[in-house]
PDB file of N, CA and C in Angstrom:
ATOM      1  N   MET A   1     148.221 217.855 109.125  1.00  0.00           N
ATOM      2  CA  MET A   1     147.606 217.836 110.549  1.00  0.00           C
ATOM      3  C   MET A   1     146.251 218.033 110.780  1.00  0.00           C
ATOM      4  N   GLY A   2     145.737 217.005 111.772  1.00  0.00           N
ATOM      5  CA  GLY A   2     144.260 217.254 111.910  1.00  0.00           C
ATOM      6  C   GLY A   2     143.944 218.164 113.007  1.00  0.00           C
ATOM      7  N   SER A   3     142.695 218.389 113.126  1.00  0.00           N
ATOM      8  CA  SER A   3     142.231 219.195 114.382  1.00  0.00           C
ATOM      9  C   SER A   3     142.021 218.408 115.431  1.00  0.00           C
ATOM     10  N   ALA A   4     141.927 219.162 116.576  1.00  0.00           N
ATOM     11  CA  ALA A   4     141.568 218.370 117.849  1.00  0.00           C
ATOM     12  C   ALA A   4     140.669 219.371 118.634  1.00  0.00           C
ATOM     13  N   MET A   5     140.023 218.882 119.718  1.00  0.00           N
ATOM     14  CA  MET A   5     139.203 219.714 120.479  1.00  0.00           C
ATOM     15  C   MET A   5     140.034 220.057 121.740  1.00  0.00           C
ATOM     16  N   VAL A   6     140.054 221.387 122.077  1.00  0.00           N
ATOM     17  CA  VAL A   6     140.820 221.699 123.278  1.00  0.00           C
ATOM     18  C   VAL A   6     139.889 222.614 124.161  1.00  0.00           C
ATOM     19  N   ARG A   7     140.154 222.563 125.468  1.00  0.00           N
ATOM     20  CA  ARG A   7     139.280 223.370 126.409  1.00  0.00           C
ATOM     21  C   ARG A   7     140.032 224.760 126.464  1.00  0.00           C
ATOM     22  N   LEU A   8     139.219 225.704 126.346  1.00  0.00           N
ATOM     23  CA  LEU A   8     139.698 227.047 126.277  1.00  0.00           C
ATOM     24  C   LEU A   8     138.938 227.805 127.279  1.00  0.00           C
ATOM     25  N   SER A   9     139.806 228.691 127.950  1.00  0.00           N
ATOM     26  CA  SER A   9     139.120 229.651 129.022  1.00  0.00           C
ATOM     27  C   SER A   9     139.183 230.806 128.270  1.00  0.00           C
ATOM     28  N   LEU A  10     138.024 231.615 128.247  1.00  0.00           N
ATOM     29  CA  LEU A  10     137.627 232.739 127.567  1.00  0.00           C
ATOM     30  C   LEU A  10     137.726 233.938 128.373  1.00  0.00           C
ATOM     31  N   PRO A  11     137.962 235.267 127.985  1.00  0.00           N
ATOM     32  CA  PRO A  11     138.141 236.369 128.762  1.00  0.00           C
ATOM     33  C   PRO A  11     137.019 236.543 129.749  1.00  0.00           C
ATOM     34  N   ASP A  12     135.893 236.052 129.319  1.00  0.00           N
ATOM     35  CA  ASP A  12     134.583 236.393 130.218  1.00  0.00           C
ATOM     36  C   ASP A  12     134.528 235.207 131.137  1.00  0.00           C
ATOM     37  N   GLY A  13     135.611 234.572 131.620  1.00  0.00           N
ATOM     38  CA  GLY A  13     135.568 233.696 132.485  1.00  0.00           C
ATOM     39  C   GLY A  13     135.148 232.224 132.321  1.00  0.00           C
ATOM     40  N   THR A  14     134.162 232.054 131.128  1.00  0.00           N
ATOM     41  CA  THR A  14     133.836 230.887 130.859  1.00  0.00           C
ATOM     42  C   THR A  14     134.788 230.043 130.265  1.00  0.00           C
ATOM     43  N   THR A  15     134.573 228.619 130.048  1.00  0.00           N
ATOM     44  CA  THR A  15     135.300 227.833 129.476  1.00  0.00           C
ATOM     45  C   THR A  15     134.468 227.045 128.327  1.00  0.00           C
ATOM     46  N   LYS A  16     135.093 226.500 127.288  1.00  0.00           N
ATOM     47  CA  LYS A  16     134.398 225.824 126.334  1.00  0.00           C
ATOM     48  C   LYS A  16     135.284 225.068 125.546  1.00  0.00           C
ATOM     49  N   GLU A  17     134.807 223.941 124.872  1.00  0.00           N
ATOM     50  CA  GLU A  17     135.795 223.046 124.014  1.00  0.00           C
ATOM     51  C   GLU A  17     135.428 223.629 122.698  1.00  0.00           C
ATOM     52  N   VAL A  18     136.732 223.727 122.029  1.00  0.00           N
ATOM     53  CA  VAL A  18     136.661 224.424 120.601  1.00  0.00           C
ATOM     54  C   VAL A  18     137.527 223.522 119.727  1.00  0.00           C
ATOM     55  N   PRO A  19     137.369 223.499 118.544  1.00  0.00           N
ATOM     56  CA  PRO A  19     138.257 222.915 117.568  1.00  0.00           C
ATOM     57  C   PRO A  19     139.735 223.819 117.476  1.00  0.00           C
ATOM     58  N   ALA A  20     140.467 222.911 117.364  1.00  0.00           N
ATOM     59  CA  ALA A  20     141.983 223.677 117.207  1.00  0.00           C
ATOM     60  C   ALA A  20     143.116 222.936 116.230  1.00  0.00           C
ATOM     61  N   THR A  21     143.543 223.558 115.680  1.00  0.00           N
ATOM     62  CA  THR A  21     144.550 223.247 114.714  1.00  0.00           C
ATOM     63  C   THR A  21     146.146 223.204 115.189  1.00  0.00           C
ATOM     64  N   PRO A  22     146.943 222.036 115.345  1.00  0.00           N
ATOM     65  CA  PRO A  22     148.182 222.419 115.468  1.00  0.00           C
ATOM     66  C   PRO A  22     149.035 223.045 114.710  1.00  0.00           C
ATOM     67  N   VAL A  23     149.990 224.098 115.038  1.00  0.00           N
ATOM     68  CA  VAL A  23     150.856 224.843 114.295  1.00  0.00           C
ATOM     69  C   VAL A  23     152.156 224.430 114.837  1.00  0.00           C
ATOM     70  N   SER A  24     153.085 224.281 113.766  1.00  0.00           N
ATOM     71  CA  SER A  24     154.557 223.952 114.086  1.00  0.00           C
ATOM     72  C   SER A  24     155.120 225.353 114.409  1.00  0.00           C
ATOM     73  N   VAL A  25     156.073 225.282 115.425  1.00  0.00           N
ATOM     74  CA  VAL A  25     156.956 226.257 115.789  1.00  0.00           C
ATOM     75  C   VAL A  25     158.162 226.125 114.796  1.00  0.00           C
ATOM     76  N   ILE A  26     158.467 227.340 113.994  1.00  0.00           N
ATOM     77  CA  ILE A  26     159.753 227.140 113.035  1.00  0.00           C
ATOM     78  C   ILE A  26     160.705 227.971 113.388  1.00  0.00           C
ATOM     79  N   LYS A  27     160.390 228.954 114.703  1.00  0.00           N
ATOM     80  CA  LYS A  27     161.531 229.615 115.138  1.00  0.00           C
ATOM     81  C   LYS A  27     160.977 230.361 116.384  1.00  0.00           C
ATOM     82  N   SER A  28     162.106 230.049 117.365  1.00  0.00           N
ATOM     83  CA  SER A  28     161.765 230.655 118.706  1.00  0.00           C
ATOM     84  C   SER A  28     162.828 231.375 119.201  1.00  0.00           C
ATOM     85  N   GLU A  29     162.633 232.407 120.008  1.00  0.00           N
ATOM     86  CA  GLU A  29     163.571 232.972 120.696  1.00  0.00           C
ATOM     87  C   GLU A  29     163.169 233.104 122.157  1.00  0.00           C
ATOM     88  N   GLU A  30     163.814 232.257 122.929  1.00  0.00           N
ATOM     89  CA  GLU A  30     163.555 232.250 124.393  1.00  0.00           C
ATOM     90  C   GLU A  30     164.661 232.941 125.114  1.00  0.00           C
ATOM     91  N   LEU A  31     164.089 234.200 125.532  1.00  0.00           N
ATOM     92  CA  LEU A  31     165.023 235.125 126.462  1.00  0.00           C
ATOM     93  C   LEU A  31     164.954 234.746 127.958  1.00  0.00           C
ATOM     94  N   TRP A  32     165.941 235.142 128.679  1.00  0.00           N
ATOM     95  CA  TRP A  32     166.033 234.794 130.017  1.00  0.00           C
ATOM     96  C   TRP A  32     165.199 236.116 130.859  1.00  0.00           C
ATOM     97  N   SER A  33     164.274 236.122 131.782  1.00  0.00           N
ATOM     98  CA  SER A  33     163.727 237.144 132.622  1.00  0.00           C
ATOM     99  C   SER A  33     164.775 236.811 133.927  1.00  0.00           C
ATOM    100  N   LYS A  34     164.993 237.981 134.327  1.00  0.00           N
ATOM    101  CA  LYS A  34     165.975 237.974 135.333  1.00  0.00           C
ATOM    102  C   LYS A  34     165.358 238.711 136.565  1.00  0.00           C
ATOM    103  N   CYS A  35     165.360 238.292 137.573  1.00  0.00           N
ATOM    104  CA  CYS A  35     164.850 239.218 138.977  1.00  0.00           C
ATOM    105  C   CYS A  35     165.875 238.938 139.965  1.00  0.00           C
ATOM    106  N   GLU A  36     166.182 240.129 140.437  1.00  0.00           N
ATOM    107  CA  GLU A  36     167.133 240.293 141.774  1.00  0.00           C
ATOM    108  C   GLU A  36     166.214 240.556 142.974  1.00  0.00           C
ATOM    109  N   LEU A  37     166.391 239.639 143.931  1.00  0.00           N
ATOM    110  CA  LEU A  37     165.496 239.517 145.054  1.00  0.00           C
ATOM    111  C   LEU A  37     166.180 240.348 146.234  1.00  0.00           C
ATOM    112  N   GLU A  38     165.459 240.878 147.326  1.00  0.00           N
ATOM    113  CA  GLU A  38     165.920 241.708 148.332  1.00  0.00           C
ATOM    114  C   GLU A  38     166.989 241.031 149.064  1.00  0.00           C
ATOM    115  N   ASP A  39     166.813 239.683 149.044  1.00  0.00           N
ATOM    116  CA  ASP A  39     167.889 238.866 149.955  1.00  0.00           C
ATOM    117  C   ASP A  39     169.320 238.520 149.237  1.00  0.00           C
ATOM    118  N   GLY A  40     169.167 239.115 148.041  1.00  0.00           N
ATOM    119  CA  GLY A  40     170.468 239.148 147.403  1.00  0.00           C
ATOM    120  C   GLY A  40     170.642 237.952 146.328  1.00  0.00           C
ATOM    121  N   SER A  41     169.517 237.247 146.281  1.00  0.00           N
ATOM    122  CA  SER A  41     169.540 236.043 145.238  1.00  0.00           C
ATOM    123  C   SER A  41     169.082 236.660 143.926  1.00  0.00           C
ATOM    124  N   ILE A  42     169.522 235.886 142.831  1.00  0.00           N
ATOM    125  CA  ILE A  42     168.866 236.103 141.459  1.00  0.00           C
ATOM    126  C   ILE A  42     168.277 235.124 140.969  1.00  0.00           C
ATOM    127  N   ILE A  43     167.124 235.245 140.319  1.00  0.00           N
ATOM    128  CA  ILE A  43     166.355 234.164 139.804  1.00  0.00           C
ATOM    129  C   ILE A  43     166.354 234.426 138.227  1.00  0.00           C
ATOM    130  N   ARG A  44     166.505 233.307 137.441  1.00  0.00           N
ATOM    131  CA  ARG A  44     166.304 233.507 135.878  1.00  0.00           C
ATOM    132  C   ARG A  44     165.351 232.347 135.667  1.00  0.00           C
ATOM    133  N   VAL A  45     164.432 232.875 134.618  1.00  0.00           N
ATOM    134  CA  VAL A  45     163.440 232.068 134.062  1.00  0.00           C
ATOM    135  C   VAL A  45     163.440 232.255 132.744  1.00  0.00           C
ATOM    136  N   LYS A  46     163.324 231.212 131.910  1.00  0.00           N
ATOM    137  CA  LYS A  46     163.172 231.206 130.302  1.00  0.00           C
ATOM    138  C   LYS A  46     162.037 230.240 129.969  1.00  0.00           C
ATOM    139  N   PRO A  47     160.951 230.876 129.308  1.00  0.00           N
ATOM    140  CA  PRO A  47     159.882 230.002 128.773  1.00  0.00           C
ATOM    141  C   PRO A  47     160.255 229.173 127.601  1.00  0.00           C
ATOM    142  N   ILE A  48     159.755 228.034 127.600  1.00  0.00           N
ATOM    143  CA  ILE A  48     160.051 227.156 126.449  1.00  0.00           C
ATOM    144  C   ILE A  48     158.861 226.791 125.847  1.00  0.00           C
ATOM    145  N   VAL A  49     158.413 227.143 124.587  1.00  0.00           N
ATOM    146  CA  VAL A  49     157.267 226.915 123.970  1.00  0.00           C
ATOM    147  C   VAL A  49     157.242 225.327 123.493  1.00  0.00           C
ATOM    148  N   GLY A  50     156.542 224.558 123.715  1.00  0.00           N
ATOM    149  CA  GLY A  50     156.519 223.188 123.570  1.00  0.00           C
ATOM    150  C   GLY A  50     155.369 222.797 122.394  1.00  0.00           C
ATOM    151  N   ARG A  51     154.344 223.489 122.398  1.00  0.00           N
ATOM    152  CA  ARG A  51     153.369 223.245 121.365  1.00  0.00           C
ATOM    153  C   ARG A  51     152.426 224.463 121.110  1.00  0.00           C
ATOM    154  N   ALA A  52     151.856 224.536 120.075  1.00  0.00           N
ATOM    155  CA  ALA A  52     150.966 225.719 119.728  1.00  0.00           C
ATOM    156  C   ALA A  52     149.776 225.239 118.827  1.00  0.00           C
ATOM    157  N   LEU A  53     148.678 225.581 119.558  1.00  0.00           N
ATOM    158  CA  LEU A  53     147.397 225.108 118.665  1.00  0.00           C
ATOM    159  C   LEU A  53     146.448 226.440 118.448  1.00  0.00           C
ATOM    160  N   ARG A  54     146.024 226.683 117.085  1.00  0.00           N
ATOM    161  CA  ARG A  54     145.303 227.832 116.964  1.00  0.00           C
ATOM    162  C   ARG A  54     143.789 227.286 116.863  1.00  0.00           C
ATOM    163  N   THR A  55     142.968 228.068 117.793  1.00  0.00           N
ATOM    164  CA  THR A  55     141.713 227.656 117.894  1.00  0.00           C
ATOM    165  C   THR A  55     140.831 228.372 116.821  1.00  0.00           C
ATOM    166  N   SER A  56     139.632 227.918 117.026  1.00  0.00           N
ATOM    167  CA  SER A  56     138.483 228.528 116.022  1.00  0.00           C
ATOM    168  C   SER A  56     137.951 229.973 116.379  1.00  0.00           C
ATOM    169  N   GLN A  57     138.551 230.210 117.684  1.00  0.00           N
ATOM    170  CA  GLN A  57     138.031 231.537 118.368  1.00  0.00           C
ATOM    171  C   GLN A  57     138.961 232.563 118.006  1.00  0.00           C
ATOM    172  N   TYR A  58     138.409 233.937 118.245  1.00  0.00           N
ATOM    173  CA  TYR A  58     139.140 235.132 117.957  1.00  0.00           C
ATOM    174  C   TYR A  58     139.045 236.110 119.047  1.00  0.00           C
ATOM    175  N   ASP A  59     139.938 236.791 119.166  1.00  0.00           N
ATOM    176  CA  ASP A  59     139.992 237.891 120.268  1.00  0.00           C
ATOM    177  C   ASP A  59     139.189 239.083 119.899  1.00  0.00           C
ATOM    178  N   ASN A  60     139.093 240.101 120.590  1.00  0.00           N
ATOM    179  CA  ASN A  60     138.447 241.413 120.122  1.00  0.00           C
ATOM    180  C   ASN A  60     138.921 242.127 118.972  1.00  0.00           C
ATOM    181  N   GLU A  61     140.221 242.004 118.566  1.00  0.00           N
ATOM    182  CA  GLU A  61     140.640 242.593 117.549  1.00  0.00           C
ATOM    183  C   GLU A  61     140.839 241.920 116.332  1.00  0.00           C
ATOM    184  N   GLY A  62     140.223 240.424 116.217  1.00  0.00           N
ATOM    185  CA  GLY A  62     140.082 239.725 115.180  1.00  0.00           C
ATOM    186  C   GLY A  62     141.236 238.863 114.976  1.00  0.00           C
ATOM    187  N   ASN A  63     142.083 238.761 115.970  1.00  0.00           N
ATOM    188  CA  ASN A  63     143.405 237.847 115.978  1.00  0.00           C
ATOM    189  C   ASN A  63     142.979 236.409 116.386  1.00  0.00           C
ATOM    190  N   PRO A  64     143.381 235.255 115.780  1.00  0.00           N
ATOM    191  CA  PRO A  64     142.977 234.013 116.325  1.00  0.00           C
ATOM    192  C   PRO A  64     143.499 233.863 117.681  1.00  0.00           C
ATOM    193  N   ILE A  65     142.811 232.893 118.515  1.00  0.00           N
ATOM    194  CA  ILE A  65     143.278 232.737 119.954  1.00  0.00           C
ATOM    195  C   ILE A  65     144.167 231.489 119.803  1.00  0.00           C
ATOM    196  N   TYR A  66     145.254 231.365 120.346  1.00  0.00           N
ATOM    197  CA  TYR A  66     146.191 230.200 120.351  1.00  0.00           C
ATOM    198  C   TYR A  66     146.235 229.572 121.757  1.00  0.00           C
ATOM    199  N   GLN A  67     146.286 228.314 121.774  1.00  0.00           N
ATOM    200  CA  GLN A  67     146.529 227.635 123.037  1.00  0.00           C
ATOM    201  C   GLN A  67     147.862 227.052 123.137  1.00  0.00           C
ATOM    202  N   VAL A  68     148.771 227.456 123.895  1.00  0.00           N
ATOM    203  CA  VAL A  68     150.265 227.300 123.942  1.00  0.00           C
ATOM    204  C   VAL A  68     150.642 226.436 125.160  1.00  0.00           C
ATOM    205  N   LEU A  69     151.507 225.594 124.818  1.00  0.00           N
ATOM    206  CA  LEU A  69     152.046 224.697 126.216  1.00  0.00           C
ATOM    207  C   LEU A  69     153.409 225.345 126.286  1.00  0.00           C
ATOM    208  N   VAL A  70     153.625 225.490 127.427  1.00  0.00           N
ATOM    209  CA  VAL A  70     154.927 226.390 127.813  1.00  0.00           C
ATOM    210  C   VAL A  70     155.397 225.728 128.909  1.00  0.00           C
ATOM    211  N   GLY A  71     156.797 225.386 128.885  1.00  0.00           N
ATOM    212  CA  GLY A  71     157.364 224.901 130.171  1.00  0.00           C
ATOM    213  C   GLY A  71     158.470 226.024 130.535  1.00  0.00           C
ATOM    214  N   ASN A  72     159.058 226.076 131.657  1.00  0.00           N
ATOM    215  CA  ASN A  72     159.880 226.883 132.060  1.00  0.00           C
ATOM    216  C   ASN A  72     161.255 226.353 132.628  1.00  0.00           C
ATOM    217  N   VAL A  73     162.488 227.003 132.362  1.00  0.00           N
ATOM    218  CA  VAL A  73     163.565 226.587 132.917  1.00  0.00           C
ATOM    219  C   VAL A  73     164.023 227.599 133.856  1.00  0.00           C
ATOM    220  N   VAL A  74     164.182 227.328 135.073  1.00  0.00           N
ATOM    221  CA  VAL A  74     164.404 228.211 136.261  1.00  0.00           C
ATOM    222  C   VAL A  74     165.965 227.808 136.869  1.00  0.00           C
ATOM    223  N   PHE A  75     166.851 228.928 136.850  1.00  0.00           N
ATOM    224  CA  PHE A  75     167.879 228.826 137.390  1.00  0.00           C
ATOM    225  C   PHE A  75     168.058 229.856 138.770  1.00  0.00           C
ATOM    226  N   VAL A  76     168.638 229.424 139.793  1.00  0.00           N
ATOM    227  CA  VAL A  76     168.646 230.311 141.075  1.00  0.00           C
ATOM    228  C   VAL A  76     170.005 230.391 141.420  1.00  0.00           C
ATOM    229  N   ASP A  77     170.431 231.591 141.666  1.00  0.00           N
ATOM    230  CA  ASP A  77     171.676 231.803 142.083  1.00  0.00           C
ATOM    231  C   ASP A  77     171.775 232.479 143.431  1.00  0.00           C
ATOM    232  N   ALA A  78     171.477 231.764 144.369  1.00  0.00           N
ATOM    233  CA  ALA A  78     171.188 232.106 145.891  1.00  0.00           C
ATOM    234  C   ALA A  78     172.418 232.786 146.266  1.00  0.00           C
ATOM    235  N   ALA A  79     172.131 233.996 147.276  1.00  0.00           N
ATOM    236  CA  ALA A  79     173.139 234.589 148.056  1.00  0.00           C
ATOM    237  C   ALA A  79     173.912 233.770 148.852  1.00  0.00           C
ATOM    238  N   GLN A  80     175.108 233.961 148.981  1.00  0.00           N
ATOM    239  CA  GLN A  80     176.029 233.145 149.646  1.00  0.00           C
ATOM    240  C   GLN A  80     175.509 232.473 151.163  1.00  0.00           C
ATOM    241  N   ASN A  81     174.936 233.634 151.883  1.00  0.00           N
ATOM    242  CA  ASN A  81     174.574 233.372 153.204  1.00  0.00           C
ATOM    243  C   ASN A  81     173.252 232.611 153.162  1.00  0.00           C
ATOM    244  N   LEU A  82     172.534 232.361 152.146  1.00  0.00           N
ATOM    245  CA  LEU A  82     171.488 231.588 152.141  1.00  0.00           C
ATOM    246  C   LEU A  82     171.714 230.166 151.889  1.00  0.00           C
ATOM    247  N   ARG A  83     172.845 229.944 151.278  1.00  0.00           N
ATOM    248  CA  ARG A  83     173.249 228.535 150.664  1.00  0.00           C
ATOM    249  C   ARG A  83     173.569 227.571 151.867  1.00  0.00           C
ATOM    250  N   ARG A  84     173.025 226.254 151.719  1.00  0.00           N
ATOM    251  CA  ARG A  84     173.310 225.265 152.742  1.00  0.00           C
ATOM    252  C   ARG A  84     174.688 224.870 152.778  1.00  0.00           C
ATOM    253  N   LYS A  85     175.258 224.740 153.837  1.00  0.00           N
ATOM    254  CA  LYS A  85     176.643 224.345 153.900  1.00  0.00           C
ATOM    255  C   LYS A  85     176.800 222.677 153.218  1.00  0.00           C
ATOM    256  N   LYS A  86     178.078 222.300 152.496  1.00  0.00           N
ATOM    257  CA  LYS A  86     178.068 220.973 151.933  1.00  0.00           C
ATOM    258  C   LYS A  86     178.138 220.089 152.993  1.00  0.00           C
ATOM    259  N   GLY A  87     177.535 218.886 152.561  1.00  0.00           N
ATOM    260  CA  GLY A  87     177.452 217.945 153.715  1.00  0.00           C
ATOM    261  C   GLY A  87     176.371 217.861 154.925  1.00  0.00           C
ATOM    262  N   LEU A  88     175.541 218.835 154.851  1.00  0.00           N
ATOM    263  CA  LEU A  88     174.502 218.928 155.724  1.00  0.00           C
ATOM    264  C   LEU A  88     173.145 218.679 155.124  1.00  0.00           C
TER     265      LEU A  88
END
């Protein structure tokens, strides 16, 4: 896999283009985050990693900085009194 240039937001608020290398995801555990709302609804969200790129930059602890493309799966179980009646 070759490297590409990616735009990276740095902790100091600046952005710059840096070289990055694609890294294959070989295993992933996507767990649901569950939120119970005061109106009785429940929202569950699961992040799905689509792509990971290791940049040429490092954080303050010496770890490489990755740019990760993440999508979300969202499931809403609304309280019965908030649901629209069928046919409306």
